[in-house]
Structure formats: structure tokens, C-alpha cells
Amino acid sequence: MIIIKSIIPYDKDIKFDTKIFEITSISLEHEEEKLRSEIEGNFIINGDYKIHPISISKEKFEYKIPFTIDLIDNVDIDSVKIDVNDFTYDIKGDDTLNVKIDLSFEYDELEEVNDNNEIEDVEIIEDRNIEEDIIPNKEIIKEEIIDEVQDSNDTYIMYHVYVVDENDTLESICKKFNVSKEVINDYNEFDELKIGDKLLIPESNES
């Protein structure tokens, strides 16, 4: 697993309702909420300041600065760690507090799934309607299949797709279609016949 760490800089001007002569104390906290695709939070800045150089009293202030971090797909949301890496401030003009915050953003990167391997490892199941597998009255389905090998000695041009019934045996199926066990084995792969199996059976031209 790969750990990713980055620094996100924030630069914000906070305009006061009064003049600012001196910041006598200041502190920074942060709060955040982890959502599915982003992190929403606030910087909480509070402290004391003087309005005039000869002022004895101090005024309190507190401001919330919202922030949002968009998350990419490979972020492990449970591993996310957020902290303040650096914090500086300055007075701009006579009524604005400028704050610069470097936010440390750390997370574990999820491993990417290899699509090719996924396809190789997952058994592909045909998506079909179950009703298509129900053969009313055990009718035999005939399908014409063109042989890949054109051989003058090939006596089969028509194939049956037969669904095995509960009373079927390999011998009874051979008798039904007038073919040998070897022919059925050549066209199908099975260890033992099971109800619902589909067999591809070439139709013999022999009467």
C-alpha cells in the first residue's frame, strides 16, 4: 500500500469591523467531516487584539474559514489524516488580518484493479432468460451449423441441441439419435450426464 502526503496551501484575508493595531494572541484549530467524494471542514481562528496603541483593553475575535478537499477514486477514506503543517499571519492595511495556512493531507492509496486479470479470474456467466432453458414437452431443437472443416467424408450437416431429461441415459440418447457413444463424446465434454445438460449431437444421414 502506498502512503500519499501533500501540502495544501490556503491564503485568506479576514476583514475586521474595527481597526487592528496589534494581534496580542492568536490560535488556529480545524474541524472536518469525511464524505464519500470530498472532505468538508473549517479553520477556526480566534484570539485577542488591540484597536489602538494606547489601548489597555483587548478585543476578542473568532472566525471560521471553510475549506473543501475533493477526493479521487483511489483514496482510502478511512486512512485520511489532516493536520496543520504551518500557520503564519500578518496585518494588511489597518483592518484586515491575512492568514496563510499549509494543510497536511495524508492518505493510503488503494491498489488499482487490473481489468485484464479480473476478466481472467472471473467466470463469465451468460446473461439470459431462464425461460429460454425450459423446453416444452422435451421438443428437440435443431440448429444448422456449418462445419469449420469442409471434408467430403463428413456425413453430418445438421446438429441437435438436446436437453438431458431425468430418465435419460447415454445409451438411450444414442438410441434416440442413432449415434454411437464415441460420437457424442467427440462433440461434448462431461464426466457424467446430469439433468439439464445440453448435448450437441450431429444428425447422421444413415437411415
N, C-alpha and C. Protein backbone atom coordinates (compact mmCIF):
# COMPACT_ATOMS: atom_id res chain seq x y z
N MET A 1 0.84 -1.20 0.00
CA MET A 1 0.00 0.00 0.00
C MET A 1 0.88 1.25 0.00
N ILE A 2 0.50 2.25 -0.78
CA ILE A 2 1.29 3.48 -0.92
C ILE A 2 0.65 4.59 -0.09
N ILE A 3 1.50 5.28 0.70
CA ILE A 3 1.03 6.41 1.51
C ILE A 3 1.33 7.70 0.75
N ILE A 4 0.32 8.50 0.52
CA ILE A 4 0.45 9.77 -0.20
C ILE A 4 0.32 10.92 0.79
N LYS A 5 1.27 11.85 0.73
CA LYS A 5 1.21 13.02 1.60
C LYS A 5 1.44 14.27 0.77
N SER A 6 0.61 15.26 0.97
CA SER A 6 0.72 16.51 0.22
C SER A 6 0.42 17.69 1.13
N ILE A 7 0.85 18.86 0.71
CA ILE A 7 0.61 20.10 1.45
C ILE A 7 -0.33 20.97 0.62
N ILE A 8 -1.42 21.37 1.23
CA ILE A 8 -2.40 22.22 0.54
C ILE A 8 -2.34 23.61 1.17
N PRO A 9 -1.96 24.64 0.39
CA PRO A 9 -1.83 25.99 0.95
C PRO A 9 -3.16 26.76 0.89
N TYR A 10 -3.44 27.52 1.93
CA TYR A 10 -4.61 28.40 1.97
C TYR A 10 -4.14 29.80 2.34
N ASP A 11 -4.68 30.80 1.62
CA ASP A 11 -4.34 32.20 1.87
C ASP A 11 -5.66 32.97 1.96
N LYS A 12 -5.93 33.54 3.13
CA LYS A 12 -7.23 34.16 3.35
C LYS A 12 -7.10 35.50 4.05
N ASP A 13 -7.85 36.49 3.56
CA ASP A 13 -7.94 37.80 4.21
C ASP A 13 -9.20 37.86 5.05
N ILE A 14 -9.06 38.25 6.30
CA ILE A 14 -10.20 38.39 7.21
C ILE A 14 -10.35 39.86 7.57
N LYS A 15 -11.44 40.43 7.14
CA LYS A 15 -11.68 41.85 7.38
C LYS A 15 -12.40 42.03 8.72
N PHE A 16 -11.81 42.86 9.63
CA PHE A 16 -12.41 43.13 10.92
C PHE A 16 -13.38 44.30 10.83
N ASP A 17 -14.26 44.39 11.80
CA ASP A 17 -15.20 45.51 11.86
C ASP A 17 -14.55 46.76 12.42
N THR A 18 -13.42 46.59 13.05
CA THR A 18 -12.69 47.73 13.64
C THR A 18 -11.26 47.72 13.10
N LYS A 19 -10.51 48.74 13.49
CA LYS A 19 -9.10 48.78 13.12
C LYS A 19 -8.30 47.79 13.97
N ILE A 20 -7.18 47.36 13.40
CA ILE A 20 -6.30 46.43 14.10
C ILE A 20 -4.94 47.11 14.30
N PHE A 21 -4.58 47.26 15.55
CA PHE A 21 -3.24 47.78 15.81
C PHE A 21 -2.25 46.65 16.03
N GLU A 22 -2.68 45.66 16.84
CA GLU A 22 -1.77 44.58 17.19
C GLU A 22 -2.56 43.32 17.53
N ILE A 23 -2.08 42.21 17.03
CA ILE A 23 -2.64 40.91 17.42
C ILE A 23 -1.86 40.46 18.66
N THR A 24 -2.54 40.39 19.78
CA THR A 24 -1.87 40.02 21.03
C THR A 24 -1.84 38.52 21.27
N SER A 25 -2.80 37.80 20.73
CA SER A 25 -2.79 36.33 20.80
C SER A 25 -3.63 35.79 19.66
N ILE A 26 -3.22 34.62 19.19
CA ILE A 26 -3.96 34.00 18.09
C ILE A 26 -3.77 32.49 18.15
N SER A 27 -4.78 31.77 17.82
CA SER A 27 -4.71 30.30 17.77
C SER A 27 -5.51 29.79 16.59
N LEU A 28 -5.13 28.62 16.14
CA LEU A 28 -5.79 28.01 14.98
C LEU A 28 -6.17 26.57 15.31
N GLU A 29 -7.41 26.24 15.08
CA GLU A 29 -7.90 24.86 15.18
C GLU A 29 -8.59 24.50 13.87
N HIS A 30 -8.87 23.24 13.70
CA HIS A 30 -9.59 22.83 12.49
C HIS A 30 -10.52 21.69 12.81
N GLU A 31 -11.60 21.60 12.04
CA GLU A 31 -12.57 20.53 12.15
C GLU A 31 -12.92 20.07 10.74
N GLU A 32 -13.22 18.79 10.58
CA GLU A 32 -13.53 18.29 9.24
C GLU A 32 -14.52 17.14 9.31
N GLU A 33 -15.19 16.90 8.21
CA GLU A 33 -16.12 15.79 8.06
C GLU A 33 -15.79 15.06 6.78
N LYS A 34 -15.60 13.74 6.89
CA LYS A 34 -15.26 12.93 5.73
C LYS A 34 -16.51 12.47 5.02
N LEU A 35 -16.66 12.89 3.78
CA LEU A 35 -17.78 12.46 2.97
C LEU A 35 -17.30 11.48 1.91
N ARG A 36 -18.21 11.01 1.06
CA ARG A 36 -17.85 9.99 0.07
C ARG A 36 -16.86 10.51 -0.96
N SER A 37 -17.06 11.72 -1.47
CA SER A 37 -16.22 12.22 -2.55
C SER A 37 -15.42 13.46 -2.17
N GLU A 38 -15.55 13.91 -0.92
CA GLU A 38 -14.83 15.11 -0.52
C GLU A 38 -14.74 15.19 1.00
N ILE A 39 -13.89 16.11 1.44
CA ILE A 39 -13.79 16.41 2.87
C ILE A 39 -14.16 17.88 3.06
N GLU A 40 -15.13 18.13 3.92
CA GLU A 40 -15.54 19.49 4.23
C GLU A 40 -15.10 19.83 5.64
N GLY A 41 -14.60 21.04 5.82
CA GLY A 41 -14.14 21.42 7.15
C GLY A 41 -14.06 22.92 7.32
N ASN A 42 -13.58 23.30 8.49
CA ASN A 42 -13.40 24.72 8.83
C ASN A 42 -12.10 24.91 9.58
N PHE A 43 -11.41 26.02 9.27
CA PHE A 43 -10.36 26.51 10.12
C PHE A 43 -11.01 27.45 11.14
N ILE A 44 -10.69 27.29 12.39
CA ILE A 44 -11.25 28.16 13.44
C ILE A 44 -10.11 29.00 14.00
N ILE A 45 -10.19 30.28 13.75
CA ILE A 45 -9.14 31.21 14.17
C ILE A 45 -9.71 32.13 15.24
N ASN A 46 -9.07 32.18 16.38
CA ASN A 46 -9.54 33.06 17.45
C ASN A 46 -8.36 33.65 18.22
N GLY A 47 -8.63 34.71 18.96
CA GLY A 47 -7.57 35.36 19.73
C GLY A 47 -8.00 36.72 20.25
N ASP A 48 -6.99 37.55 20.57
CA ASP A 48 -7.21 38.90 21.08
C ASP A 48 -6.42 39.90 20.24
N TYR A 49 -6.89 41.13 20.23
CA TYR A 49 -6.16 42.18 19.51
C TYR A 49 -6.43 43.53 20.16
N LYS A 50 -5.56 44.47 19.87
CA LYS A 50 -5.72 45.85 20.33
C LYS A 50 -6.15 46.72 19.17
N ILE A 51 -7.05 47.65 19.47
CA ILE A 51 -7.52 48.57 18.44
C ILE A 51 -6.58 49.77 18.32
N HIS A 52 -6.08 50.26 19.44
CA HIS A 52 -5.22 51.45 19.47
C HIS A 52 -3.93 51.12 20.21
N PRO A 53 -2.87 51.84 19.89
CA PRO A 53 -1.59 51.57 20.58
C PRO A 53 -1.64 51.88 22.07
N ILE A 54 -2.47 52.80 22.47
CA ILE A 54 -2.54 53.17 23.89
C ILE A 54 -3.67 52.44 24.60
N SER A 55 -4.36 51.55 23.85
CA SER A 55 -5.48 50.83 24.44
C SER A 55 -5.00 49.80 25.46
N ILE A 56 -5.66 49.78 26.62
CA ILE A 56 -5.33 48.80 27.64
C ILE A 56 -6.16 47.53 27.45
N SER A 57 -7.39 47.69 27.05
CA SER A 57 -8.29 46.54 26.86
C SER A 57 -7.98 45.81 25.55
N LYS A 58 -8.37 44.55 25.53
CA LYS A 58 -8.19 43.72 24.34
C LYS A 58 -9.54 43.23 23.84
N GLU A 59 -9.66 43.20 22.56
CA GLU A 59 -10.88 42.71 21.93
C GLU A 59 -10.68 41.25 21.48
N LYS A 60 -11.72 40.48 21.66
CA LYS A 60 -11.65 39.09 21.22
C LYS A 60 -12.18 38.95 19.79
N PHE A 61 -11.68 37.97 19.09
CA PHE A 61 -12.18 37.69 17.75
C PHE A 61 -12.20 36.18 17.52
N GLU A 62 -13.10 35.77 16.67
CA GLU A 62 -13.18 34.36 16.25
C GLU A 62 -13.79 34.30 14.87
N TYR A 63 -13.12 33.59 13.95
CA TYR A 63 -13.60 33.45 12.58
C TYR A 63 -13.48 31.99 12.14
N LYS A 64 -14.41 31.60 11.30
CA LYS A 64 -14.35 30.27 10.69
C LYS A 64 -14.10 30.43 9.18
N ILE A 65 -13.12 29.72 8.71
CA ILE A 65 -12.80 29.73 7.28
C ILE A 65 -13.09 28.34 6.72
N PRO A 66 -14.10 28.20 5.89
CA PRO A 66 -14.43 26.86 5.34
C PRO A 66 -13.41 26.41 4.30
N PHE A 67 -13.23 25.09 4.23
CA PHE A 67 -12.37 24.52 3.19
C PHE A 67 -12.97 23.20 2.73
N THR A 68 -12.65 22.84 1.49
CA THR A 68 -13.13 21.59 0.88
C THR A 68 -11.98 20.93 0.15
N ILE A 69 -11.84 19.62 0.35
CA ILE A 69 -10.83 18.84 -0.36
C ILE A 69 -11.55 17.78 -1.18
N ASP A 70 -11.42 17.86 -2.49
CA ASP A 70 -12.02 16.86 -3.36
C ASP A 70 -11.17 15.59 -3.34
N LEU A 71 -11.83 14.43 -3.24
CA LEU A 71 -11.14 13.16 -3.17
C LEU A 71 -11.20 12.43 -4.51
N ILE A 72 -10.10 11.81 -4.88
CA ILE A 72 -10.08 10.99 -6.08
C ILE A 72 -10.49 9.57 -5.72
N ASP A 73 -10.72 8.73 -6.73
CA ASP A 73 -11.30 7.41 -6.51
C ASP A 73 -10.42 6.48 -5.69
N ASN A 74 -9.09 6.63 -5.79
CA ASN A 74 -8.21 5.66 -5.14
C ASN A 74 -7.80 6.06 -3.73
N VAL A 75 -8.55 6.96 -3.09
CA VAL A 75 -8.26 7.36 -1.71
C VAL A 75 -8.99 6.44 -0.74
N ASP A 76 -8.23 5.86 0.20
CA ASP A 76 -8.84 5.10 1.29
C ASP A 76 -9.35 6.10 2.32
N ILE A 77 -10.66 6.33 2.33
CA ILE A 77 -11.24 7.40 3.15
C ILE A 77 -10.95 7.20 4.63
N ASP A 78 -10.85 5.95 5.08
CA ASP A 78 -10.61 5.68 6.49
C ASP A 78 -9.20 6.02 6.93
N SER A 79 -8.28 6.14 5.97
CA SER A 79 -6.88 6.40 6.30
C SER A 79 -6.53 7.89 6.27
N VAL A 80 -7.46 8.75 5.87
CA VAL A 80 -7.16 10.17 5.69
C VAL A 80 -6.77 10.82 7.01
N LYS A 81 -5.66 11.56 6.97
CA LYS A 81 -5.20 12.32 8.13
C LYS A 81 -4.98 13.77 7.71
N ILE A 82 -5.53 14.69 8.48
CA ILE A 82 -5.41 16.12 8.19
C ILE A 82 -4.82 16.83 9.39
N ASP A 83 -3.83 17.69 9.14
CA ASP A 83 -3.22 18.44 10.22
C ASP A 83 -2.67 19.74 9.66
N VAL A 84 -2.46 20.71 10.54
CA VAL A 84 -1.89 21.99 10.13
C VAL A 84 -0.38 21.86 10.14
N ASN A 85 0.24 22.04 9.00
CA ASN A 85 1.68 21.92 8.87
C ASN A 85 2.39 23.24 9.19
N ASP A 86 1.76 24.36 8.82
CA ASP A 86 2.35 25.68 9.08
C ASP A 86 1.25 26.72 9.13
N PHE A 87 1.48 27.78 9.91
CA PHE A 87 0.48 28.83 10.06
C PHE A 87 1.19 30.15 10.34
N THR A 88 0.95 31.12 9.48
CA THR A 88 1.51 32.47 9.67
C THR A 88 0.41 33.50 9.45
N TYR A 89 0.61 34.71 9.96
CA TYR A 89 -0.39 35.77 9.80
C TYR A 89 0.30 37.12 9.69
N ASP A 90 -0.45 38.08 9.17
CA ASP A 90 0.06 39.44 9.02
C ASP A 90 -1.13 40.39 8.97
N ILE A 91 -0.86 41.65 9.32
CA ILE A 91 -1.91 42.67 9.26
C ILE A 91 -1.75 43.44 7.96
N LYS A 92 -2.83 43.53 7.20
CA LYS A 92 -2.85 44.27 5.94
C LYS A 92 -3.70 45.52 6.13
N GLY A 93 -3.14 46.67 5.76
CA GLY A 93 -3.88 47.93 5.99
C GLY A 93 -4.01 48.16 7.48
N ASP A 94 -5.21 48.53 7.88
CA ASP A 94 -5.43 48.74 9.31
C ASP A 94 -6.65 47.98 9.84
N ASP A 95 -7.25 47.12 8.98
CA ASP A 95 -8.43 46.40 9.44
C ASP A 95 -8.53 44.96 8.89
N THR A 96 -7.46 44.46 8.32
CA THR A 96 -7.52 43.12 7.70
C THR A 96 -6.41 42.23 8.23
N LEU A 97 -6.81 41.03 8.61
CA LEU A 97 -5.86 40.02 9.05
C LEU A 97 -5.68 39.01 7.93
N ASN A 98 -4.46 38.88 7.46
CA ASN A 98 -4.14 37.90 6.43
C ASN A 98 -3.53 36.66 7.09
N VAL A 99 -4.13 35.50 6.80
CA VAL A 99 -3.61 34.25 7.35
C VAL A 99 -3.18 33.33 6.22
N LYS A 100 -2.07 32.65 6.43
CA LYS A 100 -1.56 31.65 5.48
C LYS A 100 -1.46 30.32 6.22
N ILE A 101 -2.13 29.32 5.68
CA ILE A 101 -2.19 28.01 6.34
C ILE A 101 -1.74 26.94 5.35
N ASP A 102 -0.78 26.13 5.78
CA ASP A 102 -0.38 24.96 5.00
C ASP A 102 -1.01 23.74 5.66
N LEU A 103 -1.92 23.10 4.95
CA LEU A 103 -2.63 21.95 5.50
C LEU A 103 -1.98 20.67 5.00
N SER A 104 -1.63 19.79 5.93
CA SER A 104 -1.05 18.49 5.58
C SER A 104 -2.17 17.49 5.34
N PHE A 105 -2.15 16.87 4.16
CA PHE A 105 -3.19 15.92 3.77
C PHE A 105 -2.52 14.59 3.44
N GLU A 106 -2.83 13.57 4.22
CA GLU A 106 -2.19 12.26 4.07
C GLU A 106 -3.24 11.16 3.96
N TYR A 107 -2.99 10.18 3.07
CA TYR A 107 -3.93 9.07 2.91
C TYR A 107 -3.22 7.87 2.31
N ASP A 108 -3.85 6.72 2.44
CA ASP A 108 -3.37 5.50 1.81
C ASP A 108 -4.01 5.36 0.44
N GLU A 109 -3.20 5.04 -0.53
CA GLU A 109 -3.70 4.87 -1.90
C GLU A 109 -4.15 3.43 -2.11
N LEU A 110 -5.38 3.26 -2.55
CA LEU A 110 -5.90 1.92 -2.81
C LEU A 110 -5.24 1.34 -4.05
N GLU A 111 -5.05 0.02 -4.03
CA GLU A 111 -4.45 -0.64 -5.17
C GLU A 111 -5.42 -0.67 -6.34
N GLU A 112 -4.89 -0.41 -7.52
CA GLU A 112 -5.73 -0.43 -8.71
C GLU A 112 -5.98 -1.87 -9.14
N VAL A 113 -7.18 -2.12 -9.62
CA VAL A 113 -7.55 -3.45 -10.09
C VAL A 113 -7.18 -3.57 -11.56
N ASN A 114 -6.47 -4.64 -11.88
CA ASN A 114 -6.10 -4.89 -13.27
C ASN A 114 -7.28 -5.51 -13.99
N ASP A 115 -7.81 -4.78 -14.95
CA ASP A 115 -9.01 -5.25 -15.65
C ASP A 115 -8.78 -6.59 -16.35
N ASN A 116 -7.58 -6.74 -16.92
CA ASN A 116 -7.31 -7.98 -17.64
C ASN A 116 -7.30 -9.17 -16.70
N ASN A 117 -6.64 -8.99 -15.55
CA ASN A 117 -6.60 -10.09 -14.58
C ASN A 117 -7.98 -10.38 -14.05
N GLU A 118 -8.77 -9.33 -13.88
CA GLU A 118 -10.10 -9.52 -13.35
C GLU A 118 -10.93 -10.38 -14.31
N ILE A 119 -10.75 -10.11 -15.56
CA ILE A 119 -11.51 -10.88 -16.55
C ILE A 119 -11.05 -12.33 -16.55
N GLU A 120 -9.73 -12.53 -16.36
CA GLU A 120 -9.22 -13.89 -16.39
C GLU A 120 -9.66 -14.70 -15.16
N ASP A 121 -9.79 -14.02 -14.02
CA ASP A 121 -10.10 -14.72 -12.78
C ASP A 121 -11.60 -14.93 -12.57
N VAL A 122 -12.41 -14.15 -13.23
CA VAL A 122 -13.84 -14.22 -13.00
C VAL A 122 -14.49 -15.10 -14.06
N GLU A 123 -15.30 -16.01 -13.62
CA GLU A 123 -16.01 -16.87 -14.55
C GLU A 123 -17.11 -16.07 -15.22
N ILE A 124 -17.12 -16.08 -16.53
CA ILE A 124 -18.12 -15.33 -17.27
C ILE A 124 -19.39 -16.17 -17.38
N ILE A 125 -20.48 -15.63 -16.87
CA ILE A 125 -21.76 -16.33 -16.89
C ILE A 125 -22.68 -15.65 -17.90
N GLU A 126 -23.22 -16.43 -18.79
CA GLU A 126 -24.10 -15.86 -19.81
C GLU A 126 -25.35 -15.30 -19.17
N ASP A 127 -25.68 -14.08 -19.55
CA ASP A 127 -26.89 -13.43 -19.04
C ASP A 127 -28.04 -13.79 -19.96
N ARG A 128 -28.94 -14.55 -19.46
CA ARG A 128 -30.03 -14.98 -20.31
C ARG A 128 -31.29 -15.19 -19.49
N ASN A 129 -32.41 -15.27 -20.19
CA ASN A 129 -33.69 -15.52 -19.55
C ASN A 129 -33.82 -16.99 -19.21
N ILE A 130 -34.17 -17.28 -17.96
CA ILE A 130 -34.29 -18.68 -17.54
C ILE A 130 -35.30 -19.44 -18.38
N GLU A 131 -36.32 -18.72 -18.84
CA GLU A 131 -37.37 -19.38 -19.62
C GLU A 131 -36.81 -19.94 -20.92
N GLU A 132 -35.70 -19.42 -21.40
CA GLU A 132 -35.12 -19.94 -22.63
C GLU A 132 -34.58 -21.35 -22.44
N ASP A 133 -34.31 -21.75 -21.19
CA ASP A 133 -33.77 -23.07 -20.92
C ASP A 133 -34.86 -24.12 -20.70
N ILE A 134 -36.11 -23.68 -20.68
CA ILE A 134 -37.22 -24.61 -20.48
C ILE A 134 -37.70 -25.10 -21.83
N ILE A 135 -37.63 -26.41 -22.04
CA ILE A 135 -38.03 -26.97 -23.33
C ILE A 135 -39.39 -27.64 -23.16
N PRO A 136 -40.47 -27.00 -23.65
CA PRO A 136 -41.81 -27.59 -23.50
C PRO A 136 -41.88 -28.94 -24.19
N ASN A 137 -42.44 -29.95 -23.45
CA ASN A 137 -42.68 -31.29 -23.99
C ASN A 137 -41.41 -31.94 -24.52
N LYS A 138 -40.27 -31.52 -24.02
CA LYS A 138 -39.00 -32.10 -24.42
C LYS A 138 -38.82 -32.13 -25.92
N GLU A 139 -39.20 -31.05 -26.59
CA GLU A 139 -39.00 -30.98 -28.03
C GLU A 139 -37.51 -30.87 -28.34
N ILE A 140 -37.08 -31.49 -29.36
CA ILE A 140 -35.68 -31.46 -29.75
C ILE A 140 -35.45 -30.24 -30.64
N ILE A 141 -34.46 -29.43 -30.26
CA ILE A 141 -34.15 -28.23 -31.02
C ILE A 141 -33.13 -28.58 -32.09
N LYS A 142 -33.41 -28.17 -33.29
CA LYS A 142 -32.48 -28.42 -34.39
C LYS A 142 -31.85 -27.10 -34.81
N GLU A 143 -30.53 -27.15 -34.97
CA GLU A 143 -29.81 -25.97 -35.42
C GLU A 143 -28.86 -26.39 -36.54
N GLU A 144 -28.83 -25.59 -37.58
CA GLU A 144 -27.88 -25.85 -38.65
C GLU A 144 -26.57 -25.16 -38.31
N ILE A 145 -25.48 -25.92 -38.32
CA ILE A 145 -24.16 -25.38 -38.01
C ILE A 145 -23.23 -25.76 -39.14
N ILE A 146 -22.58 -24.78 -39.71
CA ILE A 146 -21.66 -25.04 -40.81
C ILE A 146 -20.35 -25.53 -40.24
N ASP A 147 -19.87 -26.67 -40.66
CA ASP A 147 -18.62 -27.23 -40.19
C ASP A 147 -17.46 -26.34 -40.60
N GLU A 148 -16.49 -26.15 -39.67
CA GLU A 148 -15.31 -25.37 -39.99
C GLU A 148 -14.43 -26.12 -40.99
N VAL A 149 -14.42 -27.43 -40.86
CA VAL A 149 -13.61 -28.24 -41.77
C VAL A 149 -14.52 -28.84 -42.84
N GLN A 150 -14.30 -28.43 -44.04
CA GLN A 150 -15.08 -28.96 -45.15
C GLN A 150 -14.43 -30.24 -45.64
N ASP A 151 -15.06 -31.37 -45.31
CA ASP A 151 -14.50 -32.67 -45.66
C ASP A 151 -15.55 -33.47 -46.42
N SER A 152 -15.17 -34.03 -47.51
CA SER A 152 -16.14 -34.78 -48.33
C SER A 152 -16.61 -36.03 -47.60
N ASN A 153 -15.83 -36.50 -46.61
CA ASN A 153 -16.22 -37.69 -45.86
C ASN A 153 -17.15 -37.36 -44.70
N ASP A 154 -17.39 -36.07 -44.44
CA ASP A 154 -18.24 -35.67 -43.33
C ASP A 154 -19.70 -35.91 -43.71
N THR A 155 -20.37 -36.74 -42.92
CA THR A 155 -21.74 -37.10 -43.24
C THR A 155 -22.74 -36.33 -42.39
N TYR A 156 -22.26 -35.34 -41.59
CA TYR A 156 -23.14 -34.60 -40.68
C TYR A 156 -23.19 -33.12 -41.06
N ILE A 157 -24.37 -32.63 -41.32
CA ILE A 157 -24.55 -31.20 -41.60
C ILE A 157 -25.59 -30.57 -40.67
N MET A 158 -26.30 -31.40 -39.93
CA MET A 158 -27.32 -30.91 -39.02
C MET A 158 -27.00 -31.39 -37.61
N TYR A 159 -27.27 -30.50 -36.63
CA TYR A 159 -26.96 -30.84 -35.24
C TYR A 159 -28.21 -30.66 -34.38
N HIS A 160 -28.34 -31.50 -33.40
CA HIS A 160 -29.39 -31.36 -32.40
C HIS A 160 -28.79 -30.80 -31.11
N VAL A 161 -29.49 -29.88 -30.48
CA VAL A 161 -29.15 -29.45 -29.13
C VAL A 161 -30.18 -30.09 -28.22
N TYR A 162 -29.73 -31.10 -27.48
CA TYR A 162 -30.66 -31.90 -26.68
C TYR A 162 -30.44 -31.64 -25.20
N VAL A 163 -31.57 -31.39 -24.49
CA VAL A 163 -31.51 -31.17 -23.05
C VAL A 163 -31.81 -32.48 -22.33
N VAL A 164 -30.86 -32.89 -21.48
CA VAL A 164 -30.96 -34.19 -20.81
C VAL A 164 -32.13 -34.20 -19.83
N ASP A 165 -32.94 -35.23 -19.94
CA ASP A 165 -34.11 -35.43 -19.06
C ASP A 165 -33.72 -36.35 -17.91
N GLU A 166 -34.58 -36.45 -16.89
CA GLU A 166 -34.28 -37.26 -15.70
C GLU A 166 -34.23 -38.75 -16.02
N ASN A 167 -34.92 -39.17 -17.07
CA ASN A 167 -34.94 -40.60 -17.42
C ASN A 167 -33.90 -40.97 -18.47
N ASP A 168 -33.11 -39.99 -18.90
CA ASP A 168 -32.15 -40.24 -19.98
C ASP A 168 -30.90 -40.94 -19.46
N THR A 169 -30.36 -41.79 -20.32
CA THR A 169 -29.04 -42.37 -20.11
C THR A 169 -28.27 -42.15 -21.41
N LEU A 170 -26.97 -42.33 -21.34
CA LEU A 170 -26.17 -42.17 -22.56
C LEU A 170 -26.62 -43.17 -23.62
N GLU A 171 -26.95 -44.37 -23.18
CA GLU A 171 -27.40 -45.40 -24.13
C GLU A 171 -28.72 -45.02 -24.79
N SER A 172 -29.66 -44.51 -23.98
CA SER A 172 -30.97 -44.17 -24.54
C SER A 172 -30.86 -42.99 -25.51
N ILE A 173 -29.96 -42.05 -25.21
CA ILE A 173 -29.78 -40.90 -26.11
C ILE A 173 -29.14 -41.36 -27.42
N CYS A 174 -28.19 -42.27 -27.32
CA CYS A 174 -27.57 -42.81 -28.53
C CYS A 174 -28.60 -43.51 -29.41
N LYS A 175 -29.47 -44.26 -28.74
CA LYS A 175 -30.51 -44.96 -29.49
C LYS A 175 -31.51 -44.00 -30.11
N LYS A 176 -31.83 -42.93 -29.36
CA LYS A 176 -32.80 -41.95 -29.85
C LYS A 176 -32.32 -41.28 -31.14
N PHE A 177 -30.99 -40.97 -31.18
CA PHE A 177 -30.46 -40.24 -32.32
C PHE A 177 -29.65 -41.11 -33.28
N ASN A 178 -29.62 -42.42 -32.99
CA ASN A 178 -28.93 -43.36 -33.87
C ASN A 178 -27.46 -42.98 -34.06
N VAL A 179 -26.80 -42.66 -32.93
CA VAL A 179 -25.37 -42.34 -32.96
C VAL A 179 -24.67 -43.16 -31.90
N SER A 180 -23.36 -43.24 -32.01
CA SER A 180 -22.58 -44.01 -31.05
C SER A 180 -22.15 -43.13 -29.87
N LYS A 181 -21.73 -43.79 -28.79
CA LYS A 181 -21.23 -43.05 -27.64
C LYS A 181 -19.99 -42.23 -28.00
N GLU A 182 -19.17 -42.79 -28.89
CA GLU A 182 -17.95 -42.08 -29.29
C GLU A 182 -18.27 -40.76 -29.97
N VAL A 183 -19.32 -40.75 -30.79
CA VAL A 183 -19.70 -39.51 -31.48
C VAL A 183 -20.14 -38.45 -30.48
N ILE A 184 -20.96 -38.86 -29.51
CA ILE A 184 -21.42 -37.90 -28.50
C ILE A 184 -20.25 -37.36 -27.68
N ASN A 185 -19.31 -38.26 -27.34
CA ASN A 185 -18.14 -37.83 -26.57
C ASN A 185 -17.24 -36.90 -27.37
N ASP A 186 -17.21 -37.08 -28.69
CA ASP A 186 -16.38 -36.22 -29.52
C ASP A 186 -16.89 -34.78 -29.54
N TYR A 187 -18.21 -34.60 -29.40
CA TYR A 187 -18.80 -33.27 -29.53
C TYR A 187 -19.15 -32.63 -28.18
N ASN A 188 -18.95 -33.35 -27.09
CA ASN A 188 -19.33 -32.82 -25.78
C ASN A 188 -18.29 -33.21 -24.73
N GLU A 189 -18.22 -32.40 -23.67
CA GLU A 189 -17.32 -32.69 -22.56
C GLU A 189 -18.15 -32.86 -21.29
N PHE A 190 -18.14 -34.03 -20.71
CA PHE A 190 -18.86 -34.27 -19.46
C PHE A 190 -18.30 -35.52 -18.80
N ASP A 191 -18.35 -35.54 -17.47
CA ASP A 191 -17.93 -36.72 -16.72
C ASP A 191 -19.10 -37.68 -16.56
N GLU A 192 -20.25 -37.11 -16.26
CA GLU A 192 -21.47 -37.90 -16.16
C GLU A 192 -22.64 -37.01 -16.55
N LEU A 193 -23.67 -37.63 -17.08
CA LEU A 193 -24.83 -36.87 -17.51
C LEU A 193 -25.62 -36.35 -16.32
N LYS A 194 -26.05 -35.10 -16.42
CA LYS A 194 -26.88 -34.50 -15.37
C LYS A 194 -28.11 -33.89 -16.02
N ILE A 195 -29.20 -33.89 -15.26
CA ILE A 195 -30.44 -33.30 -15.76
C ILE A 195 -30.21 -31.83 -16.10
N GLY A 196 -30.64 -31.44 -17.29
CA GLY A 196 -30.47 -30.06 -17.73
C GLY A 196 -29.25 -29.83 -18.59
N ASP A 197 -28.34 -30.80 -18.65
CA ASP A 197 -27.19 -30.67 -19.54
C ASP A 197 -27.65 -30.54 -20.99
N LYS A 198 -26.91 -29.75 -21.74
CA LYS A 198 -27.22 -29.62 -23.17
C LYS A 198 -26.15 -30.35 -23.96
N LEU A 199 -26.60 -31.24 -24.82
CA LEU A 199 -25.69 -32.02 -25.65
C LEU A 199 -25.82 -31.60 -27.10
N LEU A 200 -24.67 -31.46 -27.73
CA LEU A 200 -24.64 -31.19 -29.17
C LEU A 200 -24.47 -32.53 -29.88
N ILE A 201 -25.47 -32.90 -30.68
CA ILE A 201 -25.49 -34.23 -31.29
C ILE A 201 -25.63 -34.08 -32.81
N PRO A 202 -24.63 -34.56 -33.55
CA PRO A 202 -24.74 -34.49 -35.01
C PRO A 202 -25.78 -35.49 -35.52
N GLU A 203 -26.51 -35.08 -36.52
CA GLU A 203 -27.54 -35.96 -37.08
C GLU A 203 -26.90 -36.81 -38.18
N SER A 204 -27.07 -38.06 -38.05
CA SER A 204 -26.49 -38.98 -39.02
C SER A 204 -27.38 -39.06 -40.25
N ASN A 205 -26.75 -39.20 -41.41
CA ASN A 205 -27.50 -39.38 -42.65
C ASN A 205 -27.90 -40.83 -42.86
N GLU A 206 -27.37 -41.67 -41.96
CA GLU A 206 -27.71 -43.08 -42.11
C GLU A 206 -29.16 -43.31 -41.71
N SER A 207 -29.86 -44.11 -42.41
CA SER A 207 -31.26 -44.39 -42.10
C SER A 207 -31.36 -45.42 -41.00
